[in-house]
Amino acid sequence: MKLILTNSGTESCVLNGFPGVSLTSTPTGDPIGAAASRDDTQPVANVVLAPGKSGFAQLRYTQAGNYPECTQVPATGFRVYPPEETASLFIPQQRTACSNTNINLLSVQAFQAG
């Protein structure tokens, strides 16, 4: 799936790098299990976004049921931290997470121009 960020400001901005992504049980809840690992098959580049333009990062989710040792728990969505930001966004989407932090269900690539 693609994580798409759109510049809603009046001036250009730059996305550079990877978002931080984790599954959560509520929009303000703690992360469940391991955060997304970085998939560095896509090079990191400055993505300049003019007002109204978007950039995206490819996010991959592996089914929790693929891991017999997974302690499955429901997640209501993804918490996403844009690069260089401390405030997060929430994307509601029901998934099954693993509470085990040694099982990584998520991987994410660096942002690219949309």
N, C-alpha and C. Protein backbone atom coordinates (compact mmCIF):
# COMPACT_ATOMS: atom_id res chain seq x y z
N MET A 1 0.84 -1.17 0.00
CA MET A 1 0.00 0.00 0.00
C MET A 1 0.89 1.23 0.00
N LYS A 2 0.34 2.34 -0.46
CA LYS A 2 1.11 3.57 -0.51
C LYS A 2 0.67 4.51 0.61
N LEU A 3 1.64 5.04 1.33
CA LEU A 3 1.40 6.13 2.28
C LEU A 3 1.59 7.41 1.50
N ILE A 4 0.55 8.20 1.38
CA ILE A 4 0.61 9.43 0.58
C ILE A 4 0.50 10.64 1.50
N LEU A 5 1.48 11.54 1.39
CA LEU A 5 1.44 12.80 2.12
C LEU A 5 1.32 13.93 1.11
N THR A 6 0.39 14.86 1.39
CA THR A 6 0.14 15.99 0.51
C THR A 6 0.48 17.27 1.24
N ASN A 7 1.17 18.17 0.56
CA ASN A 7 1.52 19.48 1.11
C ASN A 7 0.26 20.34 1.11
N SER A 8 -0.27 20.59 2.30
CA SER A 8 -1.48 21.42 2.43
C SER A 8 -1.13 22.87 2.75
N GLY A 9 0.18 23.18 2.76
CA GLY A 9 0.61 24.54 3.06
C GLY A 9 0.61 25.44 1.82
N THR A 10 1.10 26.64 2.01
CA THR A 10 1.13 27.61 0.92
C THR A 10 2.53 27.75 0.31
N GLU A 11 3.52 27.04 0.87
CA GLU A 11 4.88 27.08 0.36
C GLU A 11 5.37 25.65 0.16
N SER A 12 6.37 25.50 -0.68
CA SER A 12 6.95 24.17 -0.92
C SER A 12 7.57 23.63 0.35
N CYS A 13 7.59 22.30 0.45
CA CYS A 13 8.24 21.64 1.58
C CYS A 13 9.02 20.46 1.03
N VAL A 14 9.86 19.85 1.87
CA VAL A 14 10.70 18.74 1.44
C VAL A 14 10.44 17.54 2.32
N LEU A 15 10.23 16.39 1.68
CA LEU A 15 10.20 15.10 2.37
C LEU A 15 11.53 14.44 2.06
N ASN A 16 12.21 13.95 3.08
CA ASN A 16 13.48 13.29 2.86
C ASN A 16 13.60 12.13 3.82
N GLY A 17 13.56 10.92 3.30
CA GLY A 17 13.79 9.76 4.13
C GLY A 17 12.56 8.90 4.34
N PHE A 18 12.59 8.21 5.45
CA PHE A 18 11.60 7.20 5.77
C PHE A 18 10.59 7.69 6.79
N PRO A 19 9.33 7.31 6.65
CA PRO A 19 8.39 7.57 7.73
C PRO A 19 8.58 6.50 8.82
N GLY A 20 8.21 6.85 10.04
CA GLY A 20 8.12 5.87 11.10
C GLY A 20 6.70 5.33 11.10
N VAL A 21 6.54 4.01 11.08
CA VAL A 21 5.21 3.42 10.99
C VAL A 21 5.08 2.28 12.00
N SER A 22 3.95 2.25 12.68
CA SER A 22 3.65 1.13 13.58
C SER A 22 2.14 0.90 13.60
N LEU A 23 1.75 -0.29 14.00
CA LEU A 23 0.34 -0.61 14.21
C LEU A 23 -0.03 -0.19 15.62
N THR A 24 -1.26 0.29 15.82
CA THR A 24 -1.73 0.69 17.14
C THR A 24 -3.16 0.21 17.34
N SER A 25 -3.56 0.13 18.61
CA SER A 25 -4.92 -0.31 18.93
C SER A 25 -5.91 0.85 18.90
N THR A 26 -5.41 2.08 19.07
CA THR A 26 -6.26 3.28 19.02
C THR A 26 -5.45 4.41 18.37
N PRO A 27 -6.10 5.49 17.92
CA PRO A 27 -5.35 6.60 17.31
C PRO A 27 -4.27 7.19 18.20
N THR A 28 -4.44 7.12 19.51
CA THR A 28 -3.45 7.69 20.43
C THR A 28 -2.75 6.62 21.26
N GLY A 29 -2.99 5.35 20.93
CA GLY A 29 -2.44 4.25 21.71
C GLY A 29 -0.97 3.98 21.41
N ASP A 30 -0.40 3.15 22.27
CA ASP A 30 1.00 2.74 22.10
C ASP A 30 1.14 1.83 20.89
N PRO A 31 2.34 1.78 20.31
CA PRO A 31 2.57 0.86 19.20
C PRO A 31 2.38 -0.59 19.66
N ILE A 32 1.95 -1.42 18.72
CA ILE A 32 1.84 -2.85 18.97
C ILE A 32 2.97 -3.54 18.22
N GLY A 33 3.78 -4.30 18.93
CA GLY A 33 4.85 -5.05 18.28
C GLY A 33 5.94 -4.16 17.73
N ALA A 34 6.62 -4.68 16.71
CA ALA A 34 7.76 -3.98 16.12
C ALA A 34 7.32 -2.89 15.15
N ALA A 35 8.04 -1.80 15.15
CA ALA A 35 7.81 -0.74 14.16
C ALA A 35 8.28 -1.24 12.80
N ALA A 36 7.86 -0.57 11.74
CA ALA A 36 8.25 -0.96 10.39
C ALA A 36 9.77 -0.90 10.21
N SER A 37 10.30 -1.91 9.56
CA SER A 37 11.72 -1.89 9.21
C SER A 37 11.89 -1.07 7.93
N ARG A 38 13.07 -0.55 7.74
CA ARG A 38 13.36 0.26 6.55
C ARG A 38 13.78 -0.65 5.40
N ASP A 39 13.09 -0.51 4.30
CA ASP A 39 13.42 -1.22 3.06
C ASP A 39 14.21 -0.24 2.20
N ASP A 40 15.51 -0.45 2.11
CA ASP A 40 16.35 0.52 1.43
C ASP A 40 16.58 0.21 -0.05
N THR A 41 15.66 -0.54 -0.67
CA THR A 41 15.79 -0.82 -2.10
C THR A 41 15.48 0.41 -2.94
N GLN A 42 14.80 1.39 -2.37
CA GLN A 42 14.51 2.67 -3.04
C GLN A 42 15.45 3.71 -2.45
N PRO A 43 16.22 4.44 -3.27
CA PRO A 43 17.17 5.41 -2.70
C PRO A 43 16.46 6.57 -1.99
N VAL A 44 17.12 7.09 -0.97
CA VAL A 44 16.62 8.27 -0.26
C VAL A 44 16.96 9.50 -1.10
N ALA A 45 15.96 10.36 -1.31
CA ALA A 45 16.17 11.57 -2.09
C ALA A 45 15.29 12.68 -1.54
N ASN A 46 15.69 13.92 -1.78
CA ASN A 46 14.84 15.06 -1.43
C ASN A 46 13.64 15.06 -2.36
N VAL A 47 12.45 15.03 -1.77
CA VAL A 47 11.21 15.10 -2.55
C VAL A 47 10.60 16.46 -2.25
N VAL A 48 10.71 17.37 -3.20
CA VAL A 48 10.19 18.73 -3.02
C VAL A 48 8.72 18.73 -3.43
N LEU A 49 7.87 19.14 -2.49
CA LEU A 49 6.43 19.17 -2.74
C LEU A 49 5.94 20.60 -2.81
N ALA A 50 5.49 21.02 -3.97
CA ALA A 50 4.83 22.32 -4.10
C ALA A 50 3.48 22.22 -3.41
N PRO A 51 2.85 23.34 -3.06
CA PRO A 51 1.53 23.30 -2.44
C PRO A 51 0.56 22.43 -3.26
N GLY A 52 -0.13 21.53 -2.58
CA GLY A 52 -1.10 20.65 -3.23
C GLY A 52 -0.51 19.39 -3.83
N LYS A 53 0.82 19.28 -3.88
CA LYS A 53 1.47 18.09 -4.46
C LYS A 53 1.72 17.04 -3.38
N SER A 54 1.89 15.79 -3.83
CA SER A 54 2.02 14.65 -2.90
C SER A 54 3.28 13.85 -3.16
N GLY A 55 3.72 13.18 -2.13
CA GLY A 55 4.79 12.19 -2.20
C GLY A 55 4.28 10.92 -1.55
N PHE A 56 4.93 9.80 -1.84
CA PHE A 56 4.46 8.55 -1.26
C PHE A 56 5.62 7.68 -0.80
N ALA A 57 5.32 6.81 0.14
CA ALA A 57 6.25 5.77 0.59
C ALA A 57 5.50 4.45 0.52
N GLN A 58 6.15 3.44 -0.03
CA GLN A 58 5.54 2.12 -0.15
C GLN A 58 5.61 1.41 1.20
N LEU A 59 4.46 0.94 1.70
CA LEU A 59 4.38 0.22 2.96
C LEU A 59 3.92 -1.20 2.68
N ARG A 60 4.61 -2.16 3.28
CA ARG A 60 4.22 -3.56 3.12
C ARG A 60 3.84 -4.14 4.48
N TYR A 61 2.75 -4.92 4.46
CA TYR A 61 2.24 -5.58 5.66
C TYR A 61 2.20 -7.08 5.39
N THR A 62 2.79 -7.86 6.28
CA THR A 62 2.75 -9.32 6.20
C THR A 62 1.69 -9.82 7.17
N GLN A 63 0.89 -10.77 6.73
CA GLN A 63 -0.18 -11.31 7.57
C GLN A 63 0.38 -11.92 8.86
N ALA A 64 -0.20 -11.55 9.98
CA ALA A 64 0.25 -12.06 11.28
C ALA A 64 0.11 -13.57 11.36
N GLY A 65 -0.89 -14.12 10.68
CA GLY A 65 -1.10 -15.57 10.69
C GLY A 65 0.02 -16.37 10.05
N ASN A 66 0.93 -15.71 9.34
CA ASN A 66 2.07 -16.40 8.74
C ASN A 66 3.11 -16.82 9.77
N TYR A 67 2.98 -16.32 10.99
CA TYR A 67 3.98 -16.56 12.04
C TYR A 67 3.34 -17.35 13.18
N PRO A 68 3.62 -18.65 13.29
CA PRO A 68 3.01 -19.47 14.35
C PRO A 68 3.30 -18.95 15.76
N GLU A 69 4.47 -18.31 15.93
CA GLU A 69 4.84 -17.80 17.27
C GLU A 69 4.24 -16.43 17.58
N CYS A 70 3.46 -15.88 16.65
CA CYS A 70 2.85 -14.55 16.82
C CYS A 70 1.73 -14.59 17.86
N THR A 71 1.78 -13.66 18.81
CA THR A 71 0.67 -13.44 19.72
C THR A 71 -0.20 -12.37 19.08
N GLN A 72 -1.29 -12.81 18.46
CA GLN A 72 -2.12 -11.91 17.65
C GLN A 72 -3.01 -11.02 18.51
N VAL A 73 -3.05 -9.74 18.15
CA VAL A 73 -3.92 -8.76 18.80
C VAL A 73 -4.50 -7.85 17.71
N PRO A 74 -5.72 -7.34 17.92
CA PRO A 74 -6.30 -6.47 16.91
C PRO A 74 -5.65 -5.07 16.93
N ALA A 75 -5.49 -4.52 15.74
CA ALA A 75 -5.02 -3.15 15.59
C ALA A 75 -6.09 -2.38 14.81
N THR A 76 -6.28 -1.12 15.17
CA THR A 76 -7.29 -0.32 14.46
C THR A 76 -6.68 0.54 13.36
N GLY A 77 -5.34 0.55 13.27
CA GLY A 77 -4.73 1.33 12.21
C GLY A 77 -3.24 1.50 12.37
N PHE A 78 -2.71 2.41 11.55
CA PHE A 78 -1.29 2.69 11.49
C PHE A 78 -1.00 4.08 12.03
N ARG A 79 0.01 4.19 12.89
CA ARG A 79 0.51 5.50 13.29
C ARG A 79 1.71 5.78 12.41
N VAL A 80 1.72 6.97 11.80
CA VAL A 80 2.76 7.34 10.84
C VAL A 80 3.40 8.65 11.29
N TYR A 81 4.74 8.63 11.38
CA TYR A 81 5.51 9.83 11.67
C TYR A 81 6.24 10.23 10.39
N PRO A 82 5.88 11.36 9.78
CA PRO A 82 6.63 11.81 8.60
C PRO A 82 8.10 12.04 8.98
N PRO A 83 9.01 11.98 8.00
CA PRO A 83 10.43 12.22 8.30
C PRO A 83 10.64 13.56 9.00
N GLU A 84 11.50 13.54 10.00
CA GLU A 84 11.89 14.75 10.74
C GLU A 84 10.75 15.36 11.55
N GLU A 85 9.69 14.61 11.81
CA GLU A 85 8.54 15.13 12.58
C GLU A 85 8.36 14.33 13.87
N THR A 86 7.84 15.00 14.89
CA THR A 86 7.53 14.32 16.15
C THR A 86 6.03 14.14 16.34
N ALA A 87 5.24 14.80 15.51
CA ALA A 87 3.78 14.63 15.55
C ALA A 87 3.41 13.52 14.56
N SER A 88 2.45 12.70 14.96
CA SER A 88 2.08 11.57 14.12
C SER A 88 0.72 11.77 13.47
N LEU A 89 0.49 10.99 12.44
CA LEU A 89 -0.79 10.91 11.75
C LEU A 89 -1.35 9.51 12.02
N PHE A 90 -2.66 9.35 11.93
CA PHE A 90 -3.27 8.03 12.13
C PHE A 90 -4.07 7.66 10.90
N ILE A 91 -3.85 6.45 10.42
CA ILE A 91 -4.60 5.92 9.29
C ILE A 91 -5.43 4.76 9.80
N PRO A 92 -6.76 4.95 9.91
CA PRO A 92 -7.58 3.85 10.41
C PRO A 92 -7.68 2.72 9.38
N GLN A 93 -7.33 1.53 9.80
CA GLN A 93 -7.43 0.35 8.94
C GLN A 93 -7.26 -0.88 9.83
N GLN A 94 -8.32 -1.66 9.95
CA GLN A 94 -8.29 -2.84 10.80
C GLN A 94 -7.25 -3.84 10.29
N ARG A 95 -6.38 -4.28 11.17
CA ARG A 95 -5.35 -5.29 10.87
C ARG A 95 -5.18 -6.17 12.10
N THR A 96 -4.48 -7.26 11.91
CA THR A 96 -4.07 -8.09 13.03
C THR A 96 -2.58 -7.86 13.23
N ALA A 97 -2.21 -7.52 14.45
CA ALA A 97 -0.81 -7.26 14.77
C ALA A 97 -0.26 -8.40 15.61
N CYS A 98 1.05 -8.44 15.75
CA CYS A 98 1.73 -9.36 16.67
C CYS A 98 2.27 -8.53 17.82
N SER A 99 1.94 -8.92 19.03
CA SER A 99 2.47 -8.17 20.17
C SER A 99 3.95 -8.49 20.39
N ASN A 100 4.45 -9.55 19.77
CA ASN A 100 5.85 -9.91 19.88
C ASN A 100 6.71 -8.88 19.13
N THR A 101 7.63 -8.24 19.82
CA THR A 101 8.45 -7.22 19.16
C THR A 101 9.55 -7.82 18.28
N ASN A 102 9.75 -9.13 18.36
CA ASN A 102 10.77 -9.77 17.51
C ASN A 102 10.19 -10.22 16.16
N ILE A 103 8.89 -10.01 15.95
CA ILE A 103 8.26 -10.34 14.67
C ILE A 103 7.93 -9.03 13.97
N ASN A 104 8.47 -8.87 12.76
CA ASN A 104 8.27 -7.61 12.04
C ASN A 104 7.30 -7.82 10.89
N LEU A 105 6.10 -7.29 11.04
CA LEU A 105 5.06 -7.41 10.01
C LEU A 105 5.14 -6.30 8.97
N LEU A 106 5.81 -5.21 9.28
CA LEU A 106 5.80 -4.02 8.42
C LEU A 106 7.20 -3.69 7.88
N SER A 107 7.23 -3.24 6.64
CA SER A 107 8.43 -2.65 6.07
C SER A 107 8.00 -1.44 5.24
N VAL A 108 8.87 -0.44 5.17
CA VAL A 108 8.53 0.80 4.47
C VAL A 108 9.74 1.30 3.70
N GLN A 109 9.47 1.87 2.51
CA GLN A 109 10.50 2.47 1.70
C GLN A 109 10.56 3.97 1.95
N ALA A 110 11.61 4.60 1.46
CA ALA A 110 11.76 6.06 1.57
C ALA A 110 10.71 6.75 0.70
N PHE A 111 10.40 8.00 1.03
CA PHE A 111 9.44 8.77 0.25
C PHE A 111 9.97 9.04 -1.16
N GLN A 112 9.04 9.05 -2.10
CA GLN A 112 9.31 9.32 -3.51
C GLN A 112 8.34 10.37 -4.00
N ALA A 113 8.66 11.00 -5.10
CA ALA A 113 7.75 11.97 -5.70
C ALA A 113 6.51 11.24 -6.21
N GLY A 114 5.35 11.86 -6.02
CA GLY A 114 4.09 11.26 -6.43
C GLY A 114 3.74 11.69 -7.79
